[in-house]
């Protein structure tokens, strides 16, 4: 049988920082949970716990509604580093 792969254990960055609330206006905190196409990254990639992943998802959705973060990125207009636009 094939050997199981051993992966490094990922820890929730928000639990380590003891964050109680994630604000939708804090874009520097939110950009670590977004992909280069502004999609919400899953827990298995970011290492967030369920509580903080739910708070992140809600904050990103609120930031999109308030137009701080775009919903989609055009395929035709490719941006090298989209997070430079977020400031």
PDB file of N, CA and C in Angstrom:
ATOM      1  N   UNK A   1       0.829  -1.184   0.000  1.00  0.00           N
ATOM      2  CA  UNK A   1       0.000   0.000   0.000  1.00  0.00           C
ATOM      3  C   UNK A   1       0.872   1.246   0.000  1.00  0.00           C
ATOM      4  N   UNK A   2       0.309   2.284  -0.496  1.00  0.00           N
ATOM      5  CA  UNK A   2       1.039   3.553  -0.555  1.00  0.00           C
ATOM      6  C   UNK A   2       1.129   4.179   0.837  1.00  0.00           C
ATOM      7  N   UNK A   3       2.213   4.855   1.074  1.00  0.00           N
ATOM      8  CA  UNK A   3       2.391   5.524   2.357  1.00  0.00           C
ATOM      9  C   UNK A   3       1.546   6.789   2.396  1.00  0.00           C
ATOM     10  N   UNK A   4       1.063   7.114   3.576  1.00  0.00           N
ATOM     11  CA  UNK A   4       0.296   8.344   3.731  1.00  0.00           C
ATOM     12  C   UNK A   4       1.256   9.527   3.741  1.00  0.00           C
ATOM     13  N   UNK A   5       0.813  10.596   3.139  1.00  0.00           N
ATOM     14  CA  UNK A   5       1.621  11.807   3.129  1.00  0.00           C
ATOM     15  C   UNK A   5       1.501  12.497   4.475  1.00  0.00           C
ATOM     16  N   UNK A   6       2.592  13.023   4.920  1.00  0.00           N
ATOM     17  CA  UNK A   6       2.587  13.743   6.181  1.00  0.00           C
ATOM     18  C   UNK A   6       2.678  15.229   5.875  1.00  0.00           C
ATOM     19  N   UNK A   7       1.652  15.951   6.261  1.00  0.00           N
ATOM     20  CA  UNK A   7       1.599  17.376   6.025  1.00  0.00           C
ATOM     21  C   UNK A   7       1.872  18.129   7.319  1.00  0.00           C
ATOM     22  N   UNK A   8       2.369  19.333   7.154  1.00  0.00           N
ATOM     23  CA  UNK A   8       2.606  20.196   8.304  1.00  0.00           C
ATOM     24  C   UNK A   8       1.266  20.676   8.842  1.00  0.00           C
ATOM     25  N   UNK A   9       1.082  20.632  10.139  1.00  0.00           N
ATOM     26  CA  UNK A   9      -0.159  21.069  10.768  1.00  0.00           C
ATOM     27  C   UNK A   9      -0.284  22.579  10.626  1.00  0.00           C
ATOM     28  N   UNK A  10      -1.419  23.023  10.108  1.00  0.00           N
ATOM     29  CA  UNK A  10      -1.675  24.448   9.959  1.00  0.00           C
ATOM     30  C   UNK A  10      -2.457  24.933  11.173  1.00  0.00           C
ATOM     31  N   UNK A  11      -2.100  26.089  11.639  1.00  0.00           N
ATOM     32  CA  UNK A  11      -2.757  26.665  12.804  1.00  0.00           C
ATOM     33  C   UNK A  11      -3.526  27.908  12.404  1.00  0.00           C
ATOM     34  N   UNK A  12      -4.577  28.162  13.132  1.00  0.00           N
ATOM     35  CA  UNK A  12      -5.416  29.328  12.864  1.00  0.00           C
ATOM     36  C   UNK A  12      -4.662  30.584  13.298  1.00  0.00           C
ATOM     37  N   UNK A  13      -4.418  31.475  12.355  1.00  0.00           N
ATOM     38  CA  UNK A  13      -3.677  32.698  12.664  1.00  0.00           C
ATOM     39  C   UNK A  13      -4.485  33.618  13.563  1.00  0.00           C
ATOM     40  N   UNK A  14      -5.801  33.549  13.491  1.00  0.00           N
ATOM     41  CA  UNK A  14      -6.648  34.428  14.292  1.00  0.00           C
ATOM     42  C   UNK A  14      -6.756  33.936  15.733  1.00  0.00           C
ATOM     43  N   UNK A  15      -6.663  32.630  15.947  1.00  0.00           N
ATOM     44  CA  UNK A  15      -6.633  32.104  17.314  1.00  0.00           C
ATOM     45  C   UNK A  15      -5.313  32.458  17.989  1.00  0.00           C
ATOM     46  N   UNK A  16      -4.219  32.417  17.240  1.00  0.00           N
ATOM     47  CA  UNK A  16      -2.920  32.760  17.806  1.00  0.00           C
ATOM     48  C   UNK A  16      -2.849  34.234  18.172  1.00  0.00           C
ATOM     49  N   UNK A  17      -3.517  35.094  17.392  1.00  0.00           N
ATOM     50  CA  UNK A  17      -3.529  36.528  17.678  1.00  0.00           C
ATOM     51  C   UNK A  17      -4.639  36.912  18.652  1.00  0.00           C
ATOM     52  N   UNK A  18      -5.459  35.927  19.042  1.00  0.00           N
ATOM     53  CA  UNK A  18      -6.593  36.129  19.948  1.00  0.00           C
ATOM     54  C   UNK A  18      -7.555  37.211  19.427  1.00  0.00           C
ATOM     55  N   UNK A  19      -7.961  37.050  18.167  1.00  0.00           N
ATOM     56  CA  UNK A  19      -8.894  37.970  17.533  1.00  0.00           C
ATOM     57  C   UNK A  19     -10.310  37.542  17.893  1.00  0.00           C
ATOM     58  N   UNK A  20     -11.092  38.483  18.422  1.00  0.00           N
ATOM     59  CA  UNK A  20     -12.476  38.186  18.780  1.00  0.00           C
ATOM     60  C   UNK A  20     -13.453  38.557  17.676  1.00  0.00           C
ATOM     61  N   UNK A  21     -13.126  39.599  16.917  1.00  0.00           N
ATOM     62  CA  UNK A  21     -14.039  40.092  15.887  1.00  0.00           C
ATOM     63  C   UNK A  21     -13.219  40.496  14.669  1.00  0.00           C
ATOM     64  N   UNK A  22     -13.675  40.115  13.493  1.00  0.00           N
ATOM     65  CA  UNK A  22     -13.005  40.477  12.249  1.00  0.00           C
ATOM     66  C   UNK A  22     -13.861  41.516  11.545  1.00  0.00           C
ATOM     67  N   UNK A  23     -13.305  42.712  11.395  1.00  0.00           N
ATOM     68  CA  UNK A  23     -14.039  43.831  10.814  1.00  0.00           C
ATOM     69  C   UNK A  23     -13.927  43.788   9.291  1.00  0.00           C
ATOM     70  N   UNK A  24     -15.001  44.098   8.617  1.00  0.00           N
ATOM     71  CA  UNK A  24     -14.997  44.062   7.157  1.00  0.00           C
ATOM     72  C   UNK A  24     -14.211  45.221   6.563  1.00  0.00           C
ATOM     73  N   UNK A  25     -13.906  46.245   7.337  1.00  0.00           N
ATOM     74  CA  UNK A  25     -13.147  47.394   6.831  1.00  0.00           C
ATOM     75  C   UNK A  25     -11.635  47.189   6.943  1.00  0.00           C
ATOM     76  N   UNK A  26     -11.199  46.159   7.646  1.00  0.00           N
ATOM     77  CA  UNK A  26      -9.774  45.876   7.811  1.00  0.00           C
ATOM     78  C   UNK A  26      -9.312  44.987   6.661  1.00  0.00           C
ATOM     79  N   UNK A  27      -8.939  45.603   5.547  1.00  0.00           N
ATOM     80  CA  UNK A  27      -8.619  44.850   4.340  1.00  0.00           C
ATOM     81  C   UNK A  27      -7.272  44.153   4.434  1.00  0.00           C
ATOM     82  N   UNK A  28      -6.361  44.662   5.242  1.00  0.00           N
ATOM     83  CA  UNK A  28      -5.066  43.985   5.399  1.00  0.00           C
ATOM     84  C   UNK A  28      -5.233  42.631   6.073  1.00  0.00           C
ATOM     85  N   UNK A  29      -6.214  42.506   6.943  1.00  0.00           N
ATOM     86  CA  UNK A  29      -6.481  41.238   7.607  1.00  0.00           C
ATOM     87  C   UNK A  29      -7.231  40.279   6.680  1.00  0.00           C
ATOM     88  N   UNK A  30      -8.080  40.825   5.818  1.00  0.00           N
ATOM     89  CA  UNK A  30      -8.895  39.991   4.932  1.00  0.00           C
ATOM     90  C   UNK A  30      -8.134  39.454   3.726  1.00  0.00           C
ATOM     91  N   UNK A  31      -7.086  40.149   3.298  1.00  0.00           N
ATOM     92  CA  UNK A  31      -6.434  39.747   2.049  1.00  0.00           C
ATOM     93  C   UNK A  31      -5.704  38.416   2.161  1.00  0.00           C
ATOM     94  N   UNK A  32      -5.409  37.951   3.369  1.00  0.00           N
ATOM     95  CA  UNK A  32      -4.752  36.654   3.526  1.00  0.00           C
ATOM     96  C   UNK A  32      -5.722  35.493   3.297  1.00  0.00           C
ATOM     97  N   UNK A  33      -7.007  35.770   3.290  1.00  0.00           N
ATOM     98  CA  UNK A  33      -8.003  34.719   3.064  1.00  0.00           C
ATOM     99  C   UNK A  33      -8.612  34.803   1.677  1.00  0.00           C
ATOM    100  N   UNK A  34      -8.028  35.612   0.794  1.00  0.00           N
ATOM    101  CA  UNK A  34      -8.516  35.746  -0.574  1.00  0.00           C
ATOM    102  C   UNK A  34      -7.476  35.224  -1.550  1.00  0.00           C
ATOM    103  N   UNK A  35      -7.952  34.619  -2.636  1.00  0.00           N
ATOM    104  CA  UNK A  35      -7.033  34.167  -3.678  1.00  0.00           C
ATOM    105  C   UNK A  35      -6.725  35.341  -4.601  1.00  0.00           C
ATOM    106  N   UNK A  36      -5.923  35.094  -5.642  1.00  0.00           N
ATOM    107  CA  UNK A  36      -5.565  36.179  -6.556  1.00  0.00           C
ATOM    108  C   UNK A  36      -6.749  36.628  -7.403  1.00  0.00           C
ATOM    109  N   UNK A  37      -7.790  35.821  -7.455  1.00  0.00           N
ATOM    110  CA  UNK A  37      -9.016  36.208  -8.157  1.00  0.00           C
ATOM    111  C   UNK A  37     -10.116  36.632  -7.189  1.00  0.00           C
ATOM    112  N   UNK A  38      -9.724  36.970  -5.985  1.00  0.00           N
ATOM    113  CA  UNK A  38     -10.625  37.457  -4.927  1.00  0.00           C
ATOM    114  C   UNK A  38     -11.668  36.421  -4.512  1.00  0.00           C
ATOM    115  N   UNK A  39     -11.334  35.147  -4.592  1.00  0.00           N
ATOM    116  CA  UNK A  39     -12.215  34.109  -4.076  1.00  0.00           C
ATOM    117  C   UNK A  39     -11.832  33.819  -2.633  1.00  0.00           C
ATOM    118  N   UNK A  40     -12.796  33.400  -1.832  1.00  0.00           N
ATOM    119  CA  UNK A  40     -12.522  33.055  -0.445  1.00  0.00           C
ATOM    120  C   UNK A  40     -11.819  31.706  -0.413  1.00  0.00           C
ATOM    121  N   UNK A  41     -10.660  31.670   0.222  1.00  0.00           N
ATOM    122  CA  UNK A  41      -9.885  30.432   0.288  1.00  0.00           C
ATOM    123  C   UNK A  41     -10.474  29.500   1.346  1.00  0.00           C
ATOM    124  N   UNK A  42     -10.465  28.195   1.100  1.00  0.00           N
ATOM    125  CA  UNK A  42     -11.056  27.252   2.048  1.00  0.00           C
ATOM    126  C   UNK A  42     -10.202  27.061   3.293  1.00  0.00           C
ATOM    127  N   UNK A  43     -10.807  26.471   4.300  1.00  0.00           N
ATOM    128  CA  UNK A  43     -10.135  26.233   5.586  1.00  0.00           C
ATOM    129  C   UNK A  43      -8.931  25.325   5.452  1.00  0.00           C
ATOM    130  N   UNK A  44      -9.022  24.356   4.582  1.00  0.00           N
ATOM    131  CA  UNK A  44      -7.927  23.390   4.471  1.00  0.00           C
ATOM    132  C   UNK A  44      -6.667  24.028   3.918  1.00  0.00           C
ATOM    133  N   UNK A  45      -6.791  25.143   3.201  1.00  0.00           N
ATOM    134  CA  UNK A  45      -5.613  25.841   2.687  1.00  0.00           C
ATOM    135  C   UNK A  45      -5.109  26.908   3.656  1.00  0.00           C
ATOM    136  N   UNK A  46      -6.021  27.612   4.306  1.00  0.00           N
ATOM    137  CA  UNK A  46      -5.601  28.691   5.198  1.00  0.00           C
ATOM    138  C   UNK A  46      -5.283  28.200   6.598  1.00  0.00           C
ATOM    139  N   UNK A  47      -5.908  27.108   7.029  1.00  0.00           N
ATOM    140  CA  UNK A  47      -5.666  26.599   8.367  1.00  0.00           C
ATOM    141  C   UNK A  47      -6.525  27.250   9.426  1.00  0.00           C
ATOM    142  N   UNK A  48      -7.517  28.029   9.025  1.00  0.00           N
ATOM    143  CA  UNK A  48      -8.386  28.688   9.988  1.00  0.00           C
ATOM    144  C   UNK A  48      -9.309  27.690  10.673  1.00  0.00           C
ATOM    145  N   UNK A  49      -9.702  28.021  11.903  1.00  0.00           N
ATOM    146  CA  UNK A  49     -10.696  27.197  12.586  1.00  0.00           C
ATOM    147  C   UNK A  49     -12.083  27.570  12.048  1.00  0.00           C
ATOM    148  N   UNK A  50     -13.078  26.780  12.381  1.00  0.00           N
ATOM    149  CA  UNK A  50     -14.429  26.995  11.850  1.00  0.00           C
ATOM    150  C   UNK A  50     -14.995  28.339  12.257  1.00  0.00           C
ATOM    151  N   UNK A  51     -14.797  28.711  13.514  1.00  0.00           N
ATOM    152  CA  UNK A  51     -15.346  29.978  14.018  1.00  0.00           C
ATOM    153  C   UNK A  51     -14.776  31.170  13.248  1.00  0.00           C
ATOM    154  N   UNK A  52     -13.464  31.180  13.069  1.00  0.00           N
ATOM    155  CA  UNK A  52     -12.849  32.310  12.386  1.00  0.00           C
ATOM    156  C   UNK A  52     -13.080  32.269  10.873  1.00  0.00           C
ATOM    157  N   UNK A  53     -13.205  31.088  10.302  1.00  0.00           N
ATOM    158  CA  UNK A  53     -13.499  31.002   8.870  1.00  0.00           C
ATOM    159  C   UNK A  53     -14.892  31.554   8.584  1.00  0.00           C
ATOM    160  N   UNK A  54     -15.856  31.289   9.462  1.00  0.00           N
ATOM    161  CA  UNK A  54     -17.193  31.851   9.295  1.00  0.00           C
ATOM    162  C   UNK A  54     -17.172  33.365   9.419  1.00  0.00           C
ATOM    163  N   UNK A  55     -16.372  33.871  10.369  1.00  0.00           N
ATOM    164  CA  UNK A  55     -16.263  35.322  10.540  1.00  0.00           C
ATOM    165  C   UNK A  55     -15.579  35.967   9.335  1.00  0.00           C
ATOM    166  N   UNK A  56     -14.573  35.291   8.793  1.00  0.00           N
ATOM    167  CA  UNK A  56     -13.875  35.794   7.598  1.00  0.00           C
ATOM    168  C   UNK A  56     -14.828  35.842   6.408  1.00  0.00           C
ATOM    169  N   UNK A  57     -15.580  34.775   6.198  1.00  0.00           N
ATOM    170  CA  UNK A  57     -16.505  34.715   5.062  1.00  0.00           C
ATOM    171  C   UNK A  57     -17.554  35.816   5.162  1.00  0.00           C
ATOM    172  N   UNK A  58     -18.081  36.030   6.347  1.00  0.00           N
ATOM    173  CA  UNK A  58     -19.085  37.081   6.529  1.00  0.00           C
ATOM    174  C   UNK A  58     -18.478  38.464   6.307  1.00  0.00           C
ATOM    175  N   UNK A  59     -17.259  38.682   6.794  1.00  0.00           N
ATOM    176  CA  UNK A  59     -16.607  39.981   6.619  1.00  0.00           C
ATOM    177  C   UNK A  59     -16.284  40.249   5.153  1.00  0.00           C
ATOM    178  N   UNK A  60     -15.856  39.224   4.424  1.00  0.00           N
ATOM    179  CA  UNK A  60     -15.555  39.400   3.001  1.00  0.00           C
ATOM    180  C   UNK A  60     -16.829  39.700   2.223  1.00  0.00           C
ATOM    181  N   UNK A  61     -17.910  39.031   2.560  1.00  0.00           N
ATOM    182  CA  UNK A  61     -19.176  39.286   1.879  1.00  0.00           C
ATOM    183  C   UNK A  61     -19.678  40.697   2.161  1.00  0.00           C
ATOM    184  N   UNK A  62     -19.482  41.174   3.383  1.00  0.00           N
ATOM    185  CA  UNK A  62     -19.874  42.551   3.704  1.00  0.00           C
ATOM    186  C   UNK A  62     -18.984  43.560   2.992  1.00  0.00           C
ATOM    187  N   UNK A  63     -17.692  43.264   2.888  1.00  0.00           N
ATOM    188  CA  UNK A  63     -16.771  44.164   2.190  1.00  0.00           C
ATOM    189  C   UNK A  63     -17.087  44.218   0.699  1.00  0.00           C
ATOM    190  N   UNK A  64     -17.518  43.097   0.130  1.00  0.00           N
ATOM    191  CA  UNK A  64     -17.931  43.104  -1.271  1.00  0.00           C
ATOM    192  C   UNK A  64     -19.181  43.947  -1.465  1.00  0.00           C
ATOM    193  N   UNK A  65     -20.124  43.827  -0.541  1.00  0.00           N
ATOM    194  CA  UNK A  65     -21.356  44.598  -0.630  1.00  0.00           C
ATOM    195  C   UNK A  65     -21.075  46.097  -0.519  1.00  0.00           C
ATOM    196  N   UNK A  66     -20.090  46.461   0.292  1.00  0.00           N
ATOM    197  CA  UNK A  66     -19.732  47.872   0.472  1.00  0.00           C
ATOM    198  C   UNK A  66     -18.722  48.341  -0.575  1.00  0.00           C
ATOM    199  N   UNK A  67     -18.359  47.492  -1.527  1.00  0.00           N
ATOM    200  CA  UNK A  67     -17.470  47.790  -2.647  1.00  0.00           C
ATOM    201  C   UNK A  67     -16.038  48.054  -2.212  1.00  0.00           C
ATOM    202  N   UNK A  68     -15.596  47.461  -1.115  1.00  0.00           N
ATOM    203  CA  UNK A  68     -14.181  47.525  -0.734  1.00  0.00           C
ATOM    204  C   UNK A  68     -13.377  46.469  -1.493  1.00  0.00           C
ATOM    205  N   UNK A  69     -14.023  45.346  -1.790  1.00  0.00           N
ATOM    206  CA  UNK A  69     -13.396  44.232  -2.503  1.00  0.00           C
ATOM    207  C   UNK A  69     -14.279  43.910  -3.709  1.00  0.00           C
ATOM    208  N   UNK A  70     -13.685  43.699  -4.898  1.00  0.00           N
ATOM    209  CA  UNK A  70     -14.517  43.354  -6.052  1.00  0.00           C
ATOM    210  C   UNK A  70     -15.061  41.928  -5.955  1.00  0.00           C
ATOM    211  N   UNK A  71     -16.180  41.701  -6.623  1.00  0.00           N
ATOM    212  CA  UNK A  71     -16.758  40.359  -6.650  1.00  0.00           C
ATOM    213  C   UNK A  71     -15.927  39.429  -7.529  1.00  0.00           C
ATOM    214  N   UNK A  72     -15.555  39.897  -8.718  1.00  0.00           N
ATOM    215  CA  UNK A  72     -14.795  39.076  -9.656  1.00  0.00           C
ATOM    216  C   UNK A  72     -13.687  39.919 -10.267  1.00  0.00           C
ATOM    217  N   UNK A  73     -12.722  39.233 -10.867  1.00  0.00           N
ATOM    218  CA  UNK A  73     -11.661  39.885 -11.621  1.00  0.00           C
ATOM    219  C   UNK A  73     -11.812  39.437 -13.064  1.00  0.00           C
ATOM    220  N   UNK A  74     -11.760  40.376 -13.992  1.00  0.00           N
ATOM    221  CA  UNK A  74     -11.908  40.041 -15.407  1.00  0.00           C
ATOM    222  C   UNK A  74     -10.765  39.165 -15.882  1.00  0.00           C
ATOM    223  N   UNK A  75     -11.093  38.218 -16.727  1.00  0.00           N
ATOM    224  CA  UNK A  75     -10.051  37.368 -17.307  1.00  0.00           C
ATOM    225  C   UNK A  75      -9.266  38.123 -18.371  1.00  0.00           C
ATOM    226  N   UNK A  76      -9.926  39.046 -19.035  1.00  0.00           N
ATOM    227  CA  UNK A  76      -9.268  39.792 -20.097  1.00  0.00           C
ATOM    228  C   UNK A  76      -8.302  40.822 -19.532  1.00  0.00           C
ATOM    229  N   UNK A  77      -8.665  41.415 -18.414  1.00  0.00           N
ATOM    230  CA  UNK A  77      -7.820  42.440 -17.792  1.00  0.00           C
ATOM    231  C   UNK A  77      -7.075  41.793 -16.623  1.00  0.00           C
ATOM    232  N   UNK A  78      -5.929  41.230 -16.910  1.00  0.00           N
ATOM    233  CA  UNK A  78      -5.157  40.512 -15.906  1.00  0.00           C
ATOM    234  C   UNK A  78      -4.324  41.514 -15.109  1.00  0.00           C
ATOM    235  N   UNK A  79      -4.377  41.382 -13.787  1.00  0.00           N
ATOM    236  CA  UNK A  79      -3.627  42.253 -12.892  1.00  0.00           C
ATOM    237  C   UNK A  79      -2.530  41.414 -12.261  1.00  0.00           C
ATOM    238  N   UNK A  80      -1.295  41.926 -12.267  1.00  0.00           N
ATOM    239  CA  UNK A  80      -0.187  41.151 -11.712  1.00  0.00           C
ATOM    240  C   UNK A  80      -0.346  40.945 -10.218  1.00  0.00           C
ATOM    241  N   UNK A  81      -0.582  42.014  -9.483  1.00  0.00           N
ATOM    242  CA  UNK A  81      -0.765  41.909  -8.034  1.00  0.00           C
ATOM    243  C   UNK A  81      -2.049  42.654  -7.670  1.00  0.00           C
ATOM    244  N   UNK A  82      -3.181  41.955  -7.570  1.00  0.00           N
ATOM    245  CA  UNK A  82      -4.449  42.645  -7.313  1.00  0.00           C
ATOM    246  C   UNK A  82      -4.542  43.271  -5.933  1.00  0.00           C
ATOM    247  N   UNK A  83      -3.684  42.845  -4.992  1.00  0.00           N
ATOM    248  CA  UNK A  83      -3.775  43.378  -3.642  1.00  0.00           C
ATOM    249  C   UNK A  83      -3.145  44.753  -3.516  1.00  0.00           C
ATOM    250  N   UNK A  84      -2.462  45.233  -4.569  1.00  0.00           N
ATOM    251  CA  UNK A  84      -1.966  46.598  -4.545  1.00  0.00           C
ATOM    252  C   UNK A  84      -3.108  47.585  -4.663  1.00  0.00           C
ATOM    253  N   UNK A  85      -4.203  47.160  -5.295  1.00  0.00           N
ATOM    254  CA  UNK A  85      -5.364  48.023  -5.425  1.00  0.00           C
ATOM    255  C   UNK A  85      -6.089  48.197  -4.093  1.00  0.00           C
ATOM    256  N   UNK A  86      -5.972  47.217  -3.217  1.00  0.00           N
ATOM    257  CA  UNK A  86      -6.614  47.287  -1.910  1.00  0.00           C
ATOM    258  C   UNK A  86      -5.701  48.041  -0.972  1.00  0.00           C
ATOM    259  N   UNK A  87      -6.112  49.198  -0.542  1.00  0.00           N
ATOM    260  CA  UNK A  87      -5.311  49.974   0.403  1.00  0.00           C
ATOM    261  C   UNK A  87      -6.178  50.718   1.357  1.00  0.00           C
TER     262      UNK A  87
END
